[in-house]
Every structure is written in structure tokens, then in C-alpha cells.
Amino acid sequence: MSPYGSDRSPRRPMRRKLLQALTAGAVLATATGCSYNWQDFPRLGMPYPVTEEAPRILSLWQGSWAAALITGILVWGLIIWSVIFHRRSRTKVEVPPQTRYNMPIEALYTVVPLIIVSVLFYFTARDESKLLALTPKPAHTINVVGYQWSWGFNYIENVDGDAVTPKAGEVPKELASIPDRFTKDFPAGAEGVYTKGVPGERNPDTNNPGPTLYLPKGEKVRFILSSNDVIHSFWVVPFLFKQDVIPGHTNVFEVTPSQEGTFVGKCAELCGVDHSRMLFNVKVVSPEEYRAHLKELAEKGQTGFLPAGIKQTDPARNAEVNKL
């Protein structure tokens, strides 16, 4: 006779509630994904890559998730197995035998994490070295200038086609903070044009806030990142890549856009009270449209360059070892 006055087990209501909760959770989890295309699932939350370099980042992301999932399944399996097969109601043992100093088990949970970390480190270091490698002469060079609270873009290009303006080897004073190992790769006659953004600016195509950076499809672009005040972070979301913009330190990377369109960019480093307004757009167009845009900026009088970074002494500016 049950102490509750009937033969019904007091555990059944709890089991029924647990089953209902699990069912509701499964329905909720599947229902929230109905608005997504099943083809997006393999990217595991990452946006569609739009550069030739981004698939390498996506592959590293997917591999890390696969390793985490396998590890999680193993750990969850061991927990569930121990809960089911070593429960007190099954063994009828109040206190099971206690095990101490089991060397095989201790060696296992020491060696296995070391192997996992070593494998992840290898693939991360391999891909990082590929993603940060620089070509001797990129097709285009753009200096990204971060400042509170927007972005400026110096297109270091020979817009007028005259290879002697400015003189060969002469670096404009606005770009004097960029290390020599990068200025030596500037194209001949790069008098340049620029775009200076404000937070309230809007892209005419998408109405997204912030200035718009133009890039040519299928041609390698080198980004030289510099800051005029505090630390920012240059993040173009579908590039699957971001890099800090640090005052007194020049970060550089290269990408080759592979898909035309207008994409969202933002600052990914908390840089002050209006950090959330440091948005921008990246418009990938054909090489012909890219060159036409540069000429349009020149016709508007936006020739020359914005000041790129804080002033530095020559020893400080060129202190880092040239890795090219």
C-alpha cells in the first residue's frame, strides 16, 4: 500500500512533467529554426563567406564545433551512463566503493585534453599564418582610419594615371605614421582619394548607417589599419575576419572579394560612449565600377589623404621586424 493512500507511484507525476517539459523544449528548439534555410546549417551560425580567404576561416570554425560536439557527446554519455547504471535504487548500495589514486584514469583525463588542445592549436596556427600572409605587391591598398565615432578610408591609388605624381618613393605627410615596410609597396603615382564618414551617414542602396567602402571583385586588397585616438576593431561581418585598429601600431591583412553586393561592417571593440554608432558598409563592385568611383571622389575634391594614425618617431614607427 502506498503511503500516499493508493497504489500509484508518487514518481509518476514527476516523470510525466519531465516528459512534457522535454517535449515542449524539443518543439521550441525545432520551431525557432523554421525561418532558416536548411542549407545554412553547415555554417553553424556564420554568414555566407564573400572573400576567397573566408572559407578557410569557416572550415576552422566547423572543425572546432565538430571537436567540441564529439567531446560533449562523450562526456554527456559518461554522465548519463553513470547516472543510470550506478543509481542507488538499482544497486541497493547506500555508499558505493570509493576509488582513489587511479593512475590510468588520471593519466587519461590529463593526456586527452592535451591532445585536443594541441590539435586545435596546430590548425589555428596553420590557418592564421595563411590568413596574415602578405603578397609583395597587392593590386590595391586601402588605409582604414578609425576615429571616434566613424571611419575614414584612404584609397592609396594612382587615380589620374600619372606615375610621377607624387614623386617615386615620396610618402605623403598624412601617411607618415605608416611603417616603411608597408609604404614601400605603395603604387607609383599614388596621389589617392578618400572618404570620411560620420555616424549619421546612410548607404543609398540599403539605407544602412555609416560610410561606404568600395572594393573591386576578384582583385586582392591590402588593408592598413590605423587609429587616431583609441583602440577600435575593423570587422566586415561576411569576411568572417576582424582585426584591431590600434593607435601607434599598424595592423595589416589582405583579402580578395569574391562576391558583389553591399555588406555590413562595424567596430568590434568597445571604444567609448558612441561605440555602437561606429558602423560602415562595404560595397563590392566590378573593377571598372571601382575605378569609376575613385574618379568620382576625385571630381568631388576628395583628393589626398586623411591623417592616418598618431604621430610617432621613426624608431618607434619602424620598430617591428619586417616579416615579409
Protein backbone atom coordinates (compact mmCIF):
# COMPACT_ATOMS: atom_id res chain seq x y z
CA MET A 1 0.00 0.00 0.00
CA SER A 2 1.41 3.39 -0.94
CA PRO A 3 1.94 5.88 1.91
CA TYR A 4 0.02 8.35 -0.30
CA GLY A 5 -3.15 6.31 0.10
CA SER A 6 -3.10 4.50 -3.28
CA ASP A 7 -1.01 2.06 -5.26
CA ARG A 8 0.07 4.77 -7.71
CA SER A 9 3.77 5.58 -7.50
CA PRO A 10 4.50 9.17 -6.35
CA ARG A 11 7.21 9.34 -9.04
CA ARG A 12 4.81 9.10 -11.98
CA PRO A 13 3.57 12.74 -11.85
CA MET A 14 7.19 13.92 -11.79
CA ARG A 15 8.12 11.68 -14.74
CA ARG A 16 5.08 12.90 -16.67
CA LYS A 17 6.06 16.55 -16.05
CA LEU A 18 9.63 15.82 -17.11
CA LEU A 19 8.43 14.18 -20.34
CA GLN A 20 6.17 17.16 -21.08
CA ALA A 21 9.00 19.60 -20.45
CA LEU A 22 11.35 17.71 -22.78
CA THR A 23 8.67 17.57 -25.49
CA ALA A 24 8.00 21.29 -25.20
CA GLY A 25 11.72 22.02 -25.36
CA ALA A 26 12.14 19.91 -28.50
CA VAL A 27 9.19 21.65 -30.18
CA LEU A 28 10.55 25.07 -29.23
CA ALA A 29 14.05 24.25 -30.49
CA THR A 30 12.80 22.99 -33.84
CA ALA A 31 10.19 25.71 -34.28
CA THR A 32 12.72 28.52 -33.82
CA GLY A 33 14.71 27.17 -36.75
CA CYS A 34 11.81 27.06 -39.19
CA SER A 35 12.61 30.51 -40.58
CA TYR A 36 16.13 29.43 -41.59
CA ASN A 37 17.16 27.65 -44.75
CA TRP A 38 18.45 24.16 -44.03
CA GLN A 39 21.39 24.94 -46.33
CA ASP A 40 22.59 27.48 -43.73
CA PHE A 41 23.02 24.81 -41.05
CA PRO A 42 26.53 23.61 -42.07
CA ARG A 43 27.88 27.14 -41.46
CA LEU A 44 26.81 26.86 -37.79
CA GLY A 45 25.72 30.47 -37.44
CA MET A 46 28.40 32.02 -39.63
CA PRO A 47 27.31 34.30 -42.52
CA TYR A 48 27.96 33.26 -46.11
CA PRO A 49 31.66 33.99 -46.91
CA VAL A 50 32.26 36.63 -49.60
CA THR A 51 36.08 36.55 -49.92
CA GLU A 52 38.49 33.91 -51.20
CA GLU A 53 40.08 33.70 -47.73
CA ALA A 54 36.87 33.36 -45.70
CA PRO A 55 36.21 29.63 -46.45
CA ARG A 56 39.43 28.80 -44.57
CA ILE A 57 38.04 30.57 -41.50
CA LEU A 58 34.69 28.82 -41.92
CA SER A 59 36.44 25.44 -42.12
CA LEU A 60 38.33 26.14 -38.89
CA TRP A 61 35.06 27.17 -37.23
CA GLN A 62 33.30 23.99 -38.38
CA GLY A 63 36.21 21.80 -37.27
CA SER A 64 36.23 23.38 -33.82
CA TRP A 65 32.50 22.78 -33.47
CA ALA A 66 32.90 19.15 -34.58
CA ALA A 67 35.63 18.57 -31.98
CA ALA A 68 33.53 20.24 -29.28
CA LEU A 69 30.46 18.18 -30.23
CA ILE A 70 32.37 14.88 -30.13
CA THR A 71 33.86 15.79 -26.74
CA GLY A 72 30.44 16.83 -25.46
CA ILE A 73 28.77 13.61 -26.61
CA LEU A 74 31.47 11.56 -24.88
CA VAL A 75 31.16 13.50 -21.62
CA TRP A 76 27.35 13.51 -21.69
CA GLY A 77 27.35 9.79 -22.46
CA LEU A 78 29.57 9.00 -19.48
CA ILE A 79 27.42 11.15 -17.19
CA ILE A 80 24.18 9.54 -18.34
CA TRP A 81 25.71 6.05 -18.14
CA SER A 82 26.88 6.63 -14.56
CA VAL A 83 23.51 8.10 -13.53
CA ILE A 84 21.54 5.16 -14.96
CA PHE A 85 23.74 2.19 -14.10
CA HIS A 86 25.05 3.36 -10.74
CA ARG A 87 21.87 4.76 -9.23
CA ARG A 88 21.18 3.69 -5.69
CA SER A 89 17.76 2.19 -6.45
CA ARG A 90 19.41 -0.27 -8.85
CA THR A 91 22.40 -1.35 -6.80
CA LYS A 92 20.72 -1.18 -3.36
CA VAL A 93 24.06 0.05 -2.00
CA GLU A 94 23.95 3.03 0.34
CA VAL A 95 27.60 4.02 -0.14
CA PRO A 96 29.37 2.52 -3.21
CA PRO A 97 33.07 1.56 -3.10
CA GLN A 98 35.31 4.65 -3.16
CA THR A 99 38.22 4.74 -5.62
CA ARG A 100 41.29 6.89 -5.02
CA TYR A 101 44.52 7.41 -6.97
CA ASN A 102 43.50 5.56 -10.10
CA MET A 103 46.53 6.29 -12.24
CA PRO A 104 45.11 5.11 -15.62
CA ILE A 105 42.06 7.36 -15.25
CA GLU A 106 44.16 10.32 -14.08
CA ALA A 107 46.54 9.85 -17.00
CA LEU A 108 43.56 9.64 -19.37
CA TYR A 109 41.96 12.91 -18.29
CA THR A 110 45.36 14.63 -18.41
CA VAL A 111 46.59 13.34 -21.77
CA VAL A 112 43.34 13.57 -23.74
CA PRO A 113 42.80 17.33 -23.09
CA LEU A 114 46.44 17.97 -24.03
CA ILE A 115 45.91 16.15 -27.33
CA ILE A 116 42.71 18.11 -28.05
CA VAL A 117 44.35 21.47 -27.31
CA SER A 118 47.44 20.56 -29.37
CA VAL A 119 45.35 19.62 -32.41
CA LEU A 120 43.29 22.81 -32.18
CA PHE A 121 46.46 24.87 -31.76
CA TYR A 122 48.03 23.31 -34.85
CA PHE A 123 45.10 24.06 -37.15
CA THR A 124 44.66 27.56 -35.71
CA ALA A 125 48.35 28.44 -36.13
CA ARG A 126 48.38 26.98 -39.66
CA ASP A 127 45.35 28.96 -40.80
CA GLU A 128 46.45 32.16 -39.04
CA SER A 129 49.80 32.13 -40.85
CA LYS A 130 47.96 31.76 -44.18
CA LEU A 131 45.40 34.47 -43.44
CA LEU A 132 48.00 37.04 -42.32
CA ALA A 133 50.47 36.35 -45.14
CA LEU A 134 51.13 39.39 -47.37
CA THR A 135 51.86 39.46 -51.07
CA PRO A 136 54.82 41.58 -52.31
CA LYS A 137 52.68 43.88 -54.47
CA PRO A 138 48.91 43.82 -53.83
CA ALA A 139 46.61 45.10 -56.55
CA HIS A 140 45.08 47.70 -54.22
CA THR A 141 45.99 49.30 -50.90
CA ILE A 142 43.45 50.97 -48.62
CA ASN A 143 44.28 52.68 -45.34
CA VAL A 144 41.39 52.29 -42.86
CA VAL A 145 41.38 55.06 -40.25
CA GLY A 146 39.33 54.56 -37.11
CA TYR A 147 38.30 57.55 -35.02
CA GLN A 148 35.57 58.39 -32.55
CA TRP A 149 32.90 57.79 -33.88
CA SER A 150 33.23 56.70 -37.50
CA TRP A 151 35.63 55.54 -40.20
CA GLY A 152 37.79 57.08 -42.90
CA PHE A 153 39.11 55.28 -45.98
CA ASN A 154 42.27 56.36 -47.79
CA TYR A 155 42.39 54.80 -51.26
CA ILE A 156 46.12 54.69 -51.99
CA GLU A 157 45.68 54.56 -55.75
CA ASN A 158 47.07 56.19 -58.88
CA VAL A 159 43.76 57.77 -59.84
CA ASP A 160 44.95 60.18 -62.54
CA GLY A 161 47.21 57.63 -64.28
CA ASP A 162 50.29 59.84 -63.88
CA ALA A 163 53.13 57.79 -62.35
CA VAL A 164 55.15 60.86 -61.28
CA THR A 165 52.57 62.48 -59.01
CA PRO A 166 53.71 62.29 -56.28
CA LYS A 167 57.39 61.60 -56.80
CA ALA A 168 58.55 57.99 -56.59
CA GLY A 169 59.37 56.98 -53.03
CA GLU A 170 57.77 60.10 -51.55
CA VAL A 171 55.24 59.35 -48.82
CA PRO A 172 52.53 61.96 -48.18
CA LYS A 173 52.78 63.56 -44.75
CA GLU A 174 49.27 62.29 -43.85
CA LEU A 175 50.55 58.70 -44.19
CA ALA A 176 53.87 59.31 -42.41
CA SER A 177 52.81 57.19 -39.40
CA ILE A 178 52.64 54.02 -41.55
CA PRO A 179 55.83 51.89 -41.26
CA ASP A 180 58.27 51.90 -44.18
CA ARG A 181 57.81 48.18 -44.82
CA PHE A 182 54.27 48.95 -45.96
CA THR A 183 54.80 52.29 -47.69
CA LYS A 184 57.41 50.72 -49.98
CA ASP A 185 54.60 48.73 -51.61
CA PHE A 186 52.50 51.80 -52.42
CA PRO A 187 51.81 52.03 -56.17
CA ALA A 188 53.77 54.60 -58.18
CA GLY A 189 52.00 57.92 -58.51
CA ALA A 190 49.51 57.18 -55.75
CA GLU A 191 48.08 60.66 -55.13
CA GLY A 192 44.98 58.99 -53.67
CA VAL A 193 41.40 59.87 -52.76
CA TYR A 194 39.50 59.44 -49.52
CA THR A 195 36.11 59.03 -47.89
CA LYS A 196 35.44 60.42 -44.41
CA GLY A 197 32.36 59.13 -42.64
CA VAL A 198 30.06 60.36 -39.91
CA PRO A 199 27.70 58.21 -37.81
CA GLY A 200 24.57 59.75 -39.36
CA GLU A 201 25.58 58.94 -42.95
CA ARG A 202 23.48 56.37 -44.84
CA ASN A 203 24.22 53.98 -47.67
CA PRO A 204 21.95 54.95 -50.58
CA ASP A 205 21.37 51.32 -51.64
CA THR A 206 20.50 49.73 -48.29
CA ASN A 207 19.89 52.76 -46.02
CA ASN A 208 22.30 51.18 -43.52
CA PRO A 209 24.14 53.73 -41.36
CA GLY A 210 27.77 54.72 -41.80
CA PRO A 211 30.14 55.48 -44.70
CA THR A 212 30.62 53.06 -47.61
CA LEU A 213 33.93 51.46 -48.56
CA TYR A 214 34.18 50.35 -52.21
CA LEU A 215 36.16 47.21 -53.14
CA PRO A 216 36.80 45.56 -56.52
CA LYS A 217 35.65 41.98 -57.01
CA GLY A 218 38.35 39.40 -57.78
CA GLU A 219 41.32 41.68 -57.01
CA LYS A 220 43.48 41.46 -53.90
CA VAL A 221 43.16 44.36 -51.47
CA ARG A 222 45.60 45.16 -48.67
CA PHE A 223 44.09 46.88 -45.63
CA ILE A 224 46.38 49.04 -43.49
CA LEU A 225 44.64 49.75 -40.19
CA SER A 226 45.43 52.85 -38.10
CA SER A 227 43.70 54.77 -35.32
CA ASN A 228 43.68 58.47 -34.50
CA ASP A 229 42.57 58.08 -30.87
CA VAL A 230 41.70 54.81 -29.08
CA ILE A 231 41.59 51.10 -29.94
CA HIS A 232 38.91 50.14 -32.46
CA SER A 233 38.31 46.89 -34.36
CA PHE A 234 37.65 46.61 -38.12
CA TRP A 235 35.06 43.91 -38.74
CA VAL A 236 33.33 43.20 -42.03
CA VAL A 237 30.84 40.53 -40.94
CA PRO A 238 30.77 38.27 -44.07
CA PHE A 239 34.58 38.44 -44.31
CA LEU A 240 34.48 36.20 -41.18
CA PHE A 241 37.53 38.16 -40.06
CA LYS A 242 38.28 41.16 -37.88
CA GLN A 243 41.42 42.88 -36.67
CA ASP A 244 42.15 45.54 -34.06
CA VAL A 245 42.85 49.14 -35.06
CA ILE A 246 45.43 50.28 -32.52
CA PRO A 247 46.96 53.77 -32.08
CA GLY A 248 50.74 53.60 -32.50
CA HIS A 249 50.62 50.12 -34.04
CA THR A 250 49.84 49.21 -37.64
CA ASN A 251 47.91 46.01 -38.38
CA VAL A 252 47.71 44.74 -41.95
CA PHE A 253 45.82 41.98 -43.76
CA GLU A 254 44.73 41.14 -47.30
CA VAL A 255 41.54 39.74 -48.82
CA THR A 256 40.20 39.11 -52.30
CA PRO A 257 36.44 39.87 -52.54
CA SER A 258 34.63 37.12 -54.43
CA GLN A 259 31.01 38.29 -54.48
CA GLU A 260 29.41 41.60 -55.43
CA GLY A 261 26.99 43.24 -53.05
CA THR A 262 26.74 45.60 -50.08
CA PHE A 263 27.76 44.17 -46.72
CA VAL A 264 27.67 45.35 -43.11
CA GLY A 265 30.75 46.37 -41.15
CA LYS A 266 31.16 47.55 -37.59
CA CYS A 267 33.61 48.29 -34.80
CA ALA A 268 34.05 45.18 -32.65
CA GLU A 269 35.97 46.85 -29.80
CA LEU A 270 34.28 48.87 -27.05
CA CYS A 271 35.78 52.28 -27.83
CA GLY A 272 33.67 54.73 -25.85
CA VAL A 273 30.19 56.13 -25.41
CA ASP A 274 29.18 56.04 -29.10
CA HIS A 275 30.82 52.73 -29.96
CA SER A 276 27.51 51.34 -31.21
CA ARG A 277 27.37 54.06 -33.89
CA MET A 278 30.72 53.09 -35.46
CA LEU A 279 29.09 51.31 -38.38
CA PHE A 280 30.08 51.22 -42.04
CA ASN A 281 29.26 49.45 -45.29
CA VAL A 282 31.40 47.56 -47.79
CA LYS A 283 30.25 47.62 -51.39
CA VAL A 284 31.96 45.06 -53.65
CA VAL A 285 31.67 46.07 -57.31
CA SER A 286 33.34 45.26 -60.62
CA PRO A 287 36.90 46.60 -61.14
CA GLU A 288 35.55 49.05 -63.71
CA GLU A 289 32.95 50.43 -61.31
CA TYR A 290 35.60 50.62 -58.58
CA ARG A 291 37.88 52.80 -60.73
CA ALA A 292 34.90 54.94 -61.71
CA HIS A 293 34.12 55.51 -58.03
CA LEU A 294 37.69 56.68 -57.37
CA LYS A 295 37.42 59.20 -60.21
CA GLU A 296 34.07 60.36 -58.82
CA LEU A 297 35.70 61.04 -55.44
CA ALA A 298 38.46 63.00 -57.18
CA GLU A 299 35.89 65.09 -59.06
CA LYS A 300 34.24 65.91 -55.73
CA GLY A 301 37.55 67.29 -54.48
CA GLN A 302 38.23 64.42 -52.09
CA THR A 303 41.85 64.07 -53.22
CA GLY A 304 44.82 63.38 -50.98
CA PHE A 305 44.57 61.50 -47.70
CA LEU A 306 43.14 61.72 -44.21
CA PRO A 307 45.70 61.77 -41.36
CA ALA A 308 46.50 58.11 -40.68
CA GLY A 309 47.23 57.49 -37.04
CA ILE A 310 49.05 59.30 -34.27
CA LYS A 311 52.49 60.83 -34.75
CA GLN A 312 55.46 58.60 -33.95
CA THR A 313 59.21 58.88 -34.03
CA ASP A 314 60.94 56.95 -36.83
CA PRO A 315 62.46 54.35 -34.45
CA ALA A 316 59.05 53.65 -32.93
CA ARG A 317 57.29 53.56 -36.29
CA ASN A 318 59.71 51.02 -37.72
CA ALA A 319 60.43 49.12 -34.51
CA GLU A 320 58.72 45.89 -35.52
CA VAL A 321 60.64 43.31 -37.51
CA ASN A 322 59.72 43.05 -41.17
CA LYS A 323 58.08 39.63 -41.62
CA LEU A 324 57.65 39.80 -45.38
